[in-house]
Amino acid sequence: MNTGANRPGSAEDPIARFYEEHPYPAPVANLDADREGWSSPLRRRAEYHLLYGTREYREDLDILVAGCGTFQAVRHALRWPNARVVGIDVSETSVRHTKELRERHGVGNLAVHLLPIERVSELAHDFDLVICTGVLHHLADPDIGLRSLRDVLRPGGAMLIMVYAPYGRTGVTMMQEYSRLLGVGTTDDEIRDFALTLKEIPEDHPLDPLLRRSPDFRRLDAIADALLNPRERTYSVPELLGYIDRTGLAFGRWYRQAPYLPQCGGPATTPHAERLQGLPPAEQYAAVELFRGSMVRHSAVVHRAADQERLWRYLPGPESVMDAVPIRLPHTLTIEERLPPGAAAVLINRSHTYPDLVLSVDDAEKSVVEAIDGRRSLADLADLARAKAGAHDTVGFIERLYRYDQIVLASPVAGYP
């Protein structure tokens, strides 16, 4: 057994000590927006099928939020009121804030424990959904951490993980090394001095775009977490896929997939489009990461390897099952102003950060989008499109909507709301 500084979650562990002194994200006082924003069963259905493909819908899930910070576990308990949620963290400060927030909101479906990920088996419980975002890359041994989470994931379950990516964080890595060379500490005064120093970096420094774009860098706690964290690593797409594979899991999909796909946005318009699309999927993702050059994180849905085929049966394409039910994802908008020539509307997903990920649609396609209500099947939508425009490749259009993160596909189940 590990002891002292090597024991995960111990007082000597530099990560536990850092987050004890600098809890992140900063505590919040109110999460009513999460409760209200997720009050629609249709929103929960969309999230469910993004994570589980076409597994039969249910809400009575057992959910683990691993490395829950100051409020993430409460947020998920509010979003899934019929689920049983467990949050774990190595920081007593974060656990205390989580419990206070739980009581303030009257959340009755959440248990919180002071426990490192590597010891999650001590809960003696398994889960349908494991959420671990922004944590694995801080562990002393990320492989042990992910294997520990795999061991408490039920058959048929899903795991959502987020890790940092290298290329968009080049400037972060440089300033982390700068702070190490100077021995910059994490007292309040040193963090303030570091923040003042960042205002003087050159405009062509690789960190400058993040400083300008990210509101996080306006807060001292975020500066400390990003630039003064005692332990951190990054994963390129090939490194992340290798990490998932060697820990006994299988990649399902990207949480937001359009930025990785050569069929979406700028990569589809280049002379290399055909070459890119001819690569195996893993190499496509790797190539598009290099093409975009500024990804700062990767969020992936993963599963036990044995579950892949049955969870992702209804992928769009020539073999699509026509009784699959499309559901619009949150953050999607239909824009009808300042349109390009020939377009009846432009579809965007506000969670995308790349401006090229917009999808122009004609009149028939717009009518299909407007008819997607979480009840109509792909066959129903194809009939509607034919009635409006005659011959119409509805399956091909649904595939484009899926790739651009406009929809997910669900299996048909009676009794959906």
Foldseek 3Di string as FASTA:
>chain_A
DDDACQDPLDCRPLQQVLCQVQFPPDFDQDDVCLLVVLVDVLQVVQVVCLQQPADDDDLQWEEEEAQCTQANQVSVCSNRVNYAYEYEHSHPVSQVNHVVNCVVVVRDRYHYDNDHLLVVCVVVAATQEYEYEPPLQQDPDSLSSVLSNQVRHDASHKYKYKAWADQQCVLLVVLLVVCVVVVQDPDPVSLVVVLVVVVPDDCPRSCNVVCVPPPLSVDSSSCCVRRVRPGGDHAQLVRVQVSQVVSQKHFAAFSQQLLQACCFFDNCPDPCSVVLVPDPSSVSSRVSCVVVRNGTMTITMMHRPVNRCVRNVQQFDPPHDQQWAKRFHPQKDWAQPPDDPQFRTKIARNVDPDPRLIHGHHPLLVVLLVPRDRQDTNNNSCVSSCVVPNDDPSSVSVNSCVSSRGIGIYHDDPPDD
